[in-house]
């Protein structure tokens, strides 16, 4: 199973820190990130964190990222359009 989360992380070092913390807490998951369009306001401008593994606790991941000071939510099935 793969879950995709969007965050308001804008710096590579921040994303690496978040992924490291998540990886230390959830050893059984493969976790990585992509810095996407960050010039737009969240949620259209966001960083993507991908989590791959069995029995992913969405709430635990969202809560942990938020405790680190970032916005986080499961990526919705919508398309953001630039104006």
PDB file of N, CA and C in Angstrom:
ATOM      1  N   UNK A   1       0.829  -1.159   0.000  1.00  0.00           N
ATOM      2  CA  UNK A   1       0.000   0.000   0.000  1.00  0.00           C
ATOM      3  C   UNK A   1       0.890   1.244   0.000  1.00  0.00           C
ATOM      4  N   UNK A   2       0.471   2.250  -0.727  1.00  0.00           N
ATOM      5  CA  UNK A   2       1.177   3.528  -0.759  1.00  0.00           C
ATOM      6  C   UNK A   2       0.184   4.626  -0.390  1.00  0.00           C
ATOM      7  N   UNK A   3       0.594   5.468   0.547  1.00  0.00           N
ATOM      8  CA  UNK A   3      -0.195   6.637   0.921  1.00  0.00           C
ATOM      9  C   UNK A   3       0.627   7.875   0.603  1.00  0.00           C
ATOM     10  N   UNK A   4      -0.035   8.911   0.132  1.00  0.00           N
ATOM     11  CA  UNK A   4       0.641  10.157  -0.226  1.00  0.00           C
ATOM     12  C   UNK A   4       0.066  11.275   0.647  1.00  0.00           C
ATOM     13  N   UNK A   5       0.972  12.046   1.240  1.00  0.00           N
ATOM     14  CA  UNK A   5       0.601  13.154   2.116  1.00  0.00           C
ATOM     15  C   UNK A   5       1.138  14.438   1.507  1.00  0.00           C
ATOM     16  N   UNK A   6       0.424  15.531   1.704  1.00  0.00           N
ATOM     17  CA  UNK A   6       0.938  16.828   1.282  1.00  0.00           C
ATOM     18  C   UNK A   6       1.252  17.641   2.525  1.00  0.00           C
ATOM     19  N   UNK A   7       2.328  18.440   2.437  1.00  0.00           N
ATOM     20  CA  UNK A   7       2.737  19.283   3.554  1.00  0.00           C
ATOM     21  C   UNK A   7       3.108  20.662   3.018  1.00  0.00           C
ATOM     22  N   UNK A   8       3.357  21.565   3.937  1.00  0.00           N
ATOM     23  CA  UNK A   8       3.796  22.906   3.551  1.00  0.00           C
ATOM     24  C   UNK A   8       5.309  23.078   3.723  1.00  0.00           C
ATOM     25  N   UNK A   9       6.049  22.001   3.768  1.00  0.00           N
ATOM     26  CA  UNK A   9       7.511  22.054   3.875  1.00  0.00           C
ATOM     27  C   UNK A   9       8.061  22.693   2.605  1.00  0.00           C
ATOM     28  N   UNK A  10       8.995  23.638   2.756  1.00  0.00           N
ATOM     29  CA  UNK A  10       9.525  24.324   1.581  1.00  0.00           C
ATOM     30  C   UNK A  10      11.017  24.109   1.374  1.00  0.00           C
ATOM     31  N   UNK A  11      11.713  23.625   2.364  1.00  0.00           N
ATOM     32  CA  UNK A  11      13.168  23.467   2.279  1.00  0.00           C
ATOM     33  C   UNK A  11      13.554  21.992   2.292  1.00  0.00           C
ATOM     34  N   UNK A  12      14.578  21.672   1.516  1.00  0.00           N
ATOM     35  CA  UNK A  12      15.042  20.290   1.417  1.00  0.00           C
ATOM     36  C   UNK A  12      15.489  19.749   2.774  1.00  0.00           C
ATOM     37  N   UNK A  13      16.201  20.562   3.557  1.00  0.00           N
ATOM     38  CA  UNK A  13      16.678  20.084   4.857  1.00  0.00           C
ATOM     39  C   UNK A  13      15.517  19.776   5.798  1.00  0.00           C
ATOM     40  N   UNK A  14      14.418  20.547   5.684  1.00  0.00           N
ATOM     41  CA  UNK A  14      13.240  20.281   6.512  1.00  0.00           C
ATOM     42  C   UNK A  14      12.604  18.946   6.121  1.00  0.00           C
ATOM     43  N   UNK A  15      12.481  18.724   4.815  1.00  0.00           N
ATOM     44  CA  UNK A  15      11.892  17.471   4.331  1.00  0.00           C
ATOM     45  C   UNK A  15      12.725  16.280   4.772  1.00  0.00           C
ATOM     46  N   UNK A  16      14.043  16.402   4.680  1.00  0.00           N
ATOM     47  CA  UNK A  16      14.923  15.306   5.105  1.00  0.00           C
ATOM     48  C   UNK A  16      14.752  15.017   6.597  1.00  0.00           C
ATOM     49  N   UNK A  17      14.628  16.075   7.399  1.00  0.00           N
ATOM     50  CA  UNK A  17      14.461  15.914   8.840  1.00  0.00           C
ATOM     51  C   UNK A  17      13.145  15.201   9.158  1.00  0.00           C
ATOM     52  N   UNK A  18      12.076  15.606   8.481  1.00  0.00           N
ATOM     53  CA  UNK A  18      10.777  14.981   8.702  1.00  0.00           C
ATOM     54  C   UNK A  18      10.817  13.510   8.292  1.00  0.00           C
ATOM     55  N   UNK A  19      11.376  13.225   7.132  1.00  0.00           N
ATOM     56  CA  UNK A  19      11.466  11.835   6.662  1.00  0.00           C
ATOM     57  C   UNK A  19      12.302  11.003   7.633  1.00  0.00           C
ATOM     58  N   UNK A  20      13.388  11.561   8.139  1.00  0.00           N
ATOM     59  CA  UNK A  20      14.232  10.839   9.095  1.00  0.00           C
ATOM     60  C   UNK A  20      13.458  10.504  10.360  1.00  0.00           C
ATOM     61  N   UNK A  21      12.712  11.490  10.884  1.00  0.00           N
ATOM     62  CA  UNK A  21      11.923  11.263  12.094  1.00  0.00           C
ATOM     63  C   UNK A  21      10.838  10.198  11.859  1.00  0.00           C
ATOM     64  N   UNK A  22      10.158  10.301  10.732  1.00  0.00           N
ATOM     65  CA  UNK A  22       9.134   9.302  10.409  1.00  0.00           C
ATOM     66  C   UNK A  22       9.746   7.919  10.235  1.00  0.00           C
ATOM     67  N   UNK A  23      10.887   7.849   9.562  1.00  0.00           N
ATOM     68  CA  UNK A  23      11.555   6.565   9.328  1.00  0.00           C
ATOM     69  C   UNK A  23      12.017   5.926  10.635  1.00  0.00           C
ATOM     70  N   UNK A  24      12.469   6.755  11.576  1.00  0.00           N
ATOM     71  CA  UNK A  24      12.880   6.234  12.880  1.00  0.00           C
ATOM     72  C   UNK A  24      11.701   5.697  13.675  1.00  0.00           C
ATOM     73  N   UNK A  25      10.543   6.319  13.494  1.00  0.00           N
ATOM     74  CA  UNK A  25       9.337   5.891  14.223  1.00  0.00           C
ATOM     75  C   UNK A  25       8.647   4.710  13.550  1.00  0.00           C
ATOM     76  N   UNK A  26       8.636   4.704  12.222  1.00  0.00           N
ATOM     77  CA  UNK A  26       7.951   3.660  11.457  1.00  0.00           C
ATOM     78  C   UNK A  26       8.992   2.873  10.649  1.00  0.00           C
ATOM     79  N   UNK A  27       9.717   2.019  11.320  1.00  0.00           N
ATOM     80  CA  UNK A  27      10.846   1.296  10.717  1.00  0.00           C
ATOM     81  C   UNK A  27      10.433   0.408   9.542  1.00  0.00           C
ATOM     82  N   UNK A  28       9.207  -0.062   9.558  1.00  0.00           N
ATOM     83  CA  UNK A  28       8.756  -1.010   8.536  1.00  0.00           C
ATOM     84  C   UNK A  28       8.329  -0.343   7.228  1.00  0.00           C
ATOM     85  N   UNK A  29       8.284   0.982   7.188  1.00  0.00           N
ATOM     86  CA  UNK A  29       7.811   1.691   6.002  1.00  0.00           C
ATOM     87  C   UNK A  29       8.967   2.255   5.186  1.00  0.00           C
ATOM     88  N   UNK A  30       8.762   2.337   3.891  1.00  0.00           N
ATOM     89  CA  UNK A  30       9.669   3.073   3.015  1.00  0.00           C
ATOM     90  C   UNK A  30       9.062   4.472   2.870  1.00  0.00           C
ATOM     91  N   UNK A  31       9.849   5.501   3.203  1.00  0.00           N
ATOM     92  CA  UNK A  31       9.337   6.871   3.212  1.00  0.00           C
ATOM     93  C   UNK A  31      10.271   7.757   2.406  1.00  0.00           C
ATOM     94  N   UNK A  32       9.707   8.548   1.496  1.00  0.00           N
ATOM     95  CA  UNK A  32      10.508   9.515   0.755  1.00  0.00           C
ATOM     96  C   UNK A  32       9.674  10.753   0.467  1.00  0.00           C
ATOM     97  N   UNK A  33      10.283  11.739  -0.163  1.00  0.00           N
ATOM     98  CA  UNK A  33       9.610  13.013  -0.399  1.00  0.00           C
ATOM     99  C   UNK A  33       9.962  13.567  -1.767  1.00  0.00           C
ATOM    100  N   UNK A  34       9.147  14.495  -2.224  1.00  0.00           N
ATOM    101  CA  UNK A  34       9.403  15.300  -3.416  1.00  0.00           C
ATOM    102  C   UNK A  34       9.045  16.733  -3.064  1.00  0.00           C
ATOM    103  N   UNK A  35       9.935  17.649  -3.363  1.00  0.00           N
ATOM    104  CA  UNK A  35       9.594  19.060  -3.232  1.00  0.00           C
ATOM    105  C   UNK A  35       8.923  19.451  -4.533  1.00  0.00           C
ATOM    106  N   UNK A  36       7.657  19.749  -4.475  1.00  0.00           N
ATOM    107  CA  UNK A  36       6.885  20.113  -5.657  1.00  0.00           C
ATOM    108  C   UNK A  36       6.743  21.617  -5.745  1.00  0.00           C
ATOM    109  N   UNK A  37       5.682  22.038  -6.309  1.00  0.00           N
ATOM    110  CA  UNK A  37       5.371  23.467  -6.457  1.00  0.00           C
ATOM    111  C   UNK A  37       5.140  24.072  -5.078  1.00  0.00           C
ATOM    112  N   UNK A  38       6.111  24.824  -4.587  1.00  0.00           N
ATOM    113  CA  UNK A  38       5.975  25.406  -3.259  1.00  0.00           C
ATOM    114  C   UNK A  38       5.700  26.902  -3.303  1.00  0.00           C
ATOM    115  N   UNK A  39       5.593  27.473  -4.486  1.00  0.00           N
ATOM    116  CA  UNK A  39       5.325  28.908  -4.596  1.00  0.00           C
ATOM    117  C   UNK A  39       3.850  29.222  -4.327  1.00  0.00           C
ATOM    118  N   UNK A  40       2.979  28.255  -4.563  1.00  0.00           N
ATOM    119  CA  UNK A  40       1.555  28.458  -4.297  1.00  0.00           C
ATOM    120  C   UNK A  40       1.251  28.201  -2.829  1.00  0.00           C
ATOM    121  N   UNK A  41       0.116  28.705  -2.360  1.00  0.00           N
ATOM    122  CA  UNK A  41      -0.293  28.472  -0.987  1.00  0.00           C
ATOM    123  C   UNK A  41      -0.725  27.026  -0.802  1.00  0.00           C
ATOM    124  N   UNK A  42      -0.445  26.486   0.381  1.00  0.00           N
ATOM    125  CA  UNK A  42      -0.894  25.148   0.754  1.00  0.00           C
ATOM    126  C   UNK A  42      -2.413  25.114   0.682  1.00  0.00           C
ATOM    127  N   UNK A  43      -3.061  24.125   0.143  1.00  0.00           N
ATOM    128  CA  UNK A  43      -2.543  22.829  -0.229  1.00  0.00           C
ATOM    129  C   UNK A  43      -2.112  22.693  -1.692  1.00  0.00           C
ATOM    130  N   UNK A  44      -2.386  23.693  -2.545  1.00  0.00           N
ATOM    131  CA  UNK A  44      -1.983  23.565  -3.957  1.00  0.00           C
ATOM    132  C   UNK A  44      -0.469  23.591  -4.105  1.00  0.00           C
ATOM    133  N   UNK A  45       0.202  24.404  -3.340  1.00  0.00           N
ATOM    134  CA  UNK A  45       1.655  24.397  -3.304  1.00  0.00           C
ATOM    135  C   UNK A  45       2.078  23.524  -2.146  1.00  0.00           C
ATOM    136  N   UNK A  46       2.810  22.462  -2.429  1.00  0.00           N
ATOM    137  CA  UNK A  46       3.072  21.504  -1.362  1.00  0.00           C
ATOM    138  C   UNK A  46       4.297  20.638  -1.631  1.00  0.00           C
ATOM    139  N   UNK A  47       4.715  19.968  -0.590  1.00  0.00           N
ATOM    140  CA  UNK A  47       5.710  18.907  -0.656  1.00  0.00           C
ATOM    141  C   UNK A  47       4.952  17.595  -0.512  1.00  0.00           C
ATOM    142  N   UNK A  48       5.378  16.597  -1.235  1.00  0.00           N
ATOM    143  CA  UNK A  48       4.740  15.289  -1.154  1.00  0.00           C
ATOM    144  C   UNK A  48       5.618  14.355  -0.333  1.00  0.00           C
ATOM    145  N   UNK A  49       5.011  13.698   0.625  1.00  0.00           N
ATOM    146  CA  UNK A  49       5.681  12.632   1.368  1.00  0.00           C
ATOM    147  C   UNK A  49       4.942  11.340   1.035  1.00  0.00           C
ATOM    148  N   UNK A  50       5.702  10.356   0.525  1.00  0.00           N
ATOM    149  CA  UNK A  50       5.123   9.060   0.175  1.00  0.00           C
ATOM    150  C   UNK A  50       5.532   8.022   1.206  1.00  0.00           C
ATOM    151  N   UNK A  51       4.553   7.233   1.640  1.00  0.00           N
ATOM    152  CA  UNK A  51       4.798   6.183   2.616  1.00  0.00           C
ATOM    153  C   UNK A  51       4.325   4.874   2.007  1.00  0.00           C
ATOM    154  N   UNK A  52       5.227   3.898   1.978  1.00  0.00           N
ATOM    155  CA  UNK A  52       4.897   2.595   1.417  1.00  0.00           C
ATOM    156  C   UNK A  52       5.068   1.540   2.488  1.00  0.00           C
ATOM    157  N   UNK A  53       4.038   0.722   2.661  1.00  0.00           N
ATOM    158  CA  UNK A  53       4.102  -0.356   3.642  1.00  0.00           C
ATOM    159  C   UNK A  53       2.719  -0.902   3.935  1.00  0.00           C
ATOM    160  N   UNK A  54       2.667  -1.830   4.873  1.00  0.00           N
ATOM    161  CA  UNK A  54       1.410  -2.448   5.277  1.00  0.00           C
ATOM    162  C   UNK A  54       0.849  -1.713   6.492  1.00  0.00           C
ATOM    163  N   UNK A  55      -0.458  -1.610   6.565  1.00  0.00           N
ATOM    164  CA  UNK A  55      -1.167  -1.041   7.719  1.00  0.00           C
ATOM    165  C   UNK A  55      -0.633   0.336   8.116  1.00  0.00           C
ATOM    166  N   UNK A  56      -0.671   1.266   7.200  1.00  0.00           N
ATOM    167  CA  UNK A  56      -0.206   2.631   7.452  1.00  0.00           C
ATOM    168  C   UNK A  56      -1.246   3.375   8.284  1.00  0.00           C
ATOM    169  N   UNK A  57      -0.817   3.937   9.391  1.00  0.00           N
ATOM    170  CA  UNK A  57      -1.695   4.716  10.255  1.00  0.00           C
ATOM    171  C   UNK A  57      -1.667   6.171   9.790  1.00  0.00           C
ATOM    172  N   UNK A  58      -2.673   6.549   9.024  1.00  0.00           N
ATOM    173  CA  UNK A  58      -2.741   7.897   8.488  1.00  0.00           C
ATOM    174  C   UNK A  58      -2.705   8.944   9.593  1.00  0.00           C
ATOM    175  N   UNK A  59      -3.496   8.729  10.626  1.00  0.00           N
ATOM    176  CA  UNK A  59      -3.590   9.693  11.714  1.00  0.00           C
ATOM    177  C   UNK A  59      -2.253   9.875  12.424  1.00  0.00           C
ATOM    178  N   UNK A  60      -1.524   8.789  12.640  1.00  0.00           N
ATOM    179  CA  UNK A  60      -0.238   8.874  13.341  1.00  0.00           C
ATOM    180  C   UNK A  60       0.777   9.679  12.549  1.00  0.00           C
ATOM    181  N   UNK A  61       0.805   9.483  11.239  1.00  0.00           N
ATOM    182  CA  UNK A  61       1.753  10.212  10.398  1.00  0.00           C
ATOM    183  C   UNK A  61       1.384  11.683  10.348  1.00  0.00           C
ATOM    184  N   UNK A  62       0.120  11.983  10.125  1.00  0.00           N
ATOM    185  CA  UNK A  62      -0.333  13.378  10.085  1.00  0.00           C
ATOM    186  C   UNK A  62      -0.014  14.066  11.412  1.00  0.00           C
ATOM    187  N   UNK A  63      -0.323  13.423  12.511  1.00  0.00           N
ATOM    188  CA  UNK A  63      -0.083  14.011  13.827  1.00  0.00           C
ATOM    189  C   UNK A  63       1.407  14.257  14.060  1.00  0.00           C
ATOM    190  N   UNK A  64       2.253  13.322  13.689  1.00  0.00           N
ATOM    191  CA  UNK A  64       3.686  13.473  13.913  1.00  0.00           C
ATOM    192  C   UNK A  64       4.262  14.637  13.108  1.00  0.00           C
ATOM    193  N   UNK A  65       3.859  14.752  11.840  1.00  0.00           N
ATOM    194  CA  UNK A  65       4.346  15.845  11.008  1.00  0.00           C
ATOM    195  C   UNK A  65       3.853  17.183  11.564  1.00  0.00           C
ATOM    196  N   UNK A  66       2.619  17.233  12.002  1.00  0.00           N
ATOM    197  CA  UNK A  66       2.072  18.470  12.587  1.00  0.00           C
ATOM    198  C   UNK A  66       2.804  18.844  13.876  1.00  0.00           C
ATOM    199  N   UNK A  67       3.176  17.853  14.672  1.00  0.00           N
ATOM    200  CA  UNK A  67       3.926  18.124  15.899  1.00  0.00           C
ATOM    201  C   UNK A  67       5.309  18.703  15.589  1.00  0.00           C
ATOM    202  N   UNK A  68       5.815  18.450  14.389  1.00  0.00           N
ATOM    203  CA  UNK A  68       7.091  19.020  13.975  1.00  0.00           C
ATOM    204  C   UNK A  68       6.912  20.431  13.418  1.00  0.00           C
ATOM    205  N   UNK A  69       5.666  20.924  13.394  1.00  0.00           N
ATOM    206  CA  UNK A  69       5.404  22.309  13.015  1.00  0.00           C
ATOM    207  C   UNK A  69       4.982  22.530  11.575  1.00  0.00           C
ATOM    208  N   UNK A  70       4.580  21.475  10.886  1.00  0.00           N
ATOM    209  CA  UNK A  70       4.182  21.607   9.489  1.00  0.00           C
ATOM    210  C   UNK A  70       2.734  21.179   9.299  1.00  0.00           C
ATOM    211  N   UNK A  71       2.118  21.727   8.250  1.00  0.00           N
ATOM    212  CA  UNK A  71       0.794  21.265   7.843  1.00  0.00           C
ATOM    213  C   UNK A  71       0.968  19.880   7.209  1.00  0.00           C
ATOM    214  N   UNK A  72      -0.019  19.040   7.372  1.00  0.00           N
ATOM    215  CA  UNK A  72       0.038  17.709   6.757  1.00  0.00           C
ATOM    216  C   UNK A  72      -1.378  17.179   6.613  1.00  0.00           C
ATOM    217  N   UNK A  73      -1.635  16.603   5.456  1.00  0.00           N
ATOM    218  CA  UNK A  73      -2.918  15.944   5.222  1.00  0.00           C
ATOM    219  C   UNK A  73      -2.741  14.903   4.128  1.00  0.00           C
ATOM    220  N   UNK A  74      -3.644  13.949   4.113  1.00  0.00           N
ATOM    221  CA  UNK A  74      -3.644  12.950   3.055  1.00  0.00           C
ATOM    222  C   UNK A  74      -3.967  13.661   1.756  1.00  0.00           C
ATOM    223  N   UNK A  75      -3.235  13.344   0.698  1.00  0.00           N
ATOM    224  CA  UNK A  75      -3.458  14.013  -0.584  1.00  0.00           C
ATOM    225  C   UNK A  75      -4.846  13.666  -1.112  1.00  0.00           C
ATOM    226  N   UNK A  76      -5.650  14.680  -1.342  1.00  0.00           N
ATOM    227  CA  UNK A  76      -6.998  14.436  -1.882  1.00  0.00           C
ATOM    228  C   UNK A  76      -6.932  14.103  -3.372  1.00  0.00           C
ATOM    229  N   UNK A  77      -7.992  13.513  -3.855  1.00  0.00           N
ATOM    230  CA  UNK A  77      -8.084  13.192  -5.277  1.00  0.00           C
ATOM    231  C   UNK A  77      -8.669  14.373  -6.043  1.00  0.00           C
ATOM    232  N   UNK A  78      -7.963  15.509  -6.009  1.00  0.00           N
ATOM    233  CA  UNK A  78      -8.392  16.705  -6.727  1.00  0.00           C
ATOM    234  C   UNK A  78      -7.228  17.279  -7.503  1.00  0.00           C
ATOM    235  N   UNK A  79      -7.525  18.187  -8.387  1.00  0.00           N
ATOM    236  CA  UNK A  79      -6.498  18.842  -9.188  1.00  0.00           C
ATOM    237  C   UNK A  79      -6.539  20.330  -8.880  1.00  0.00           C
ATOM    238  N   UNK A  80      -5.372  20.896  -8.563  1.00  0.00           N
ATOM    239  CA  UNK A  80      -5.276  22.349  -8.340  1.00  0.00           C
ATOM    240  C   UNK A  80      -4.951  23.021  -9.659  1.00  0.00           C
ATOM    241  N   UNK A  81      -5.634  24.108  -9.950  1.00  0.00           N
ATOM    242  CA  UNK A  81      -5.430  24.817 -11.196  1.00  0.00           C
ATOM    243  C   UNK A  81      -4.803  26.168 -10.888  1.00  0.00           C
ATOM    244  N   UNK A  82      -3.720  26.507 -11.594  1.00  0.00           N
ATOM    245  CA  UNK A  82      -3.094  27.809 -11.429  1.00  0.00           C
ATOM    246  C   UNK A  82      -3.929  28.860 -12.166  1.00  0.00           C
ATOM    247  N   UNK A  83      -4.113  29.993 -11.546  1.00  0.00           N
ATOM    248  CA  UNK A  83      -4.861  31.084 -12.171  1.00  0.00           C
ATOM    249  C   UNK A  83      -3.898  32.084 -12.747  1.00  0.00           C
TER     250      UNK A  83
END
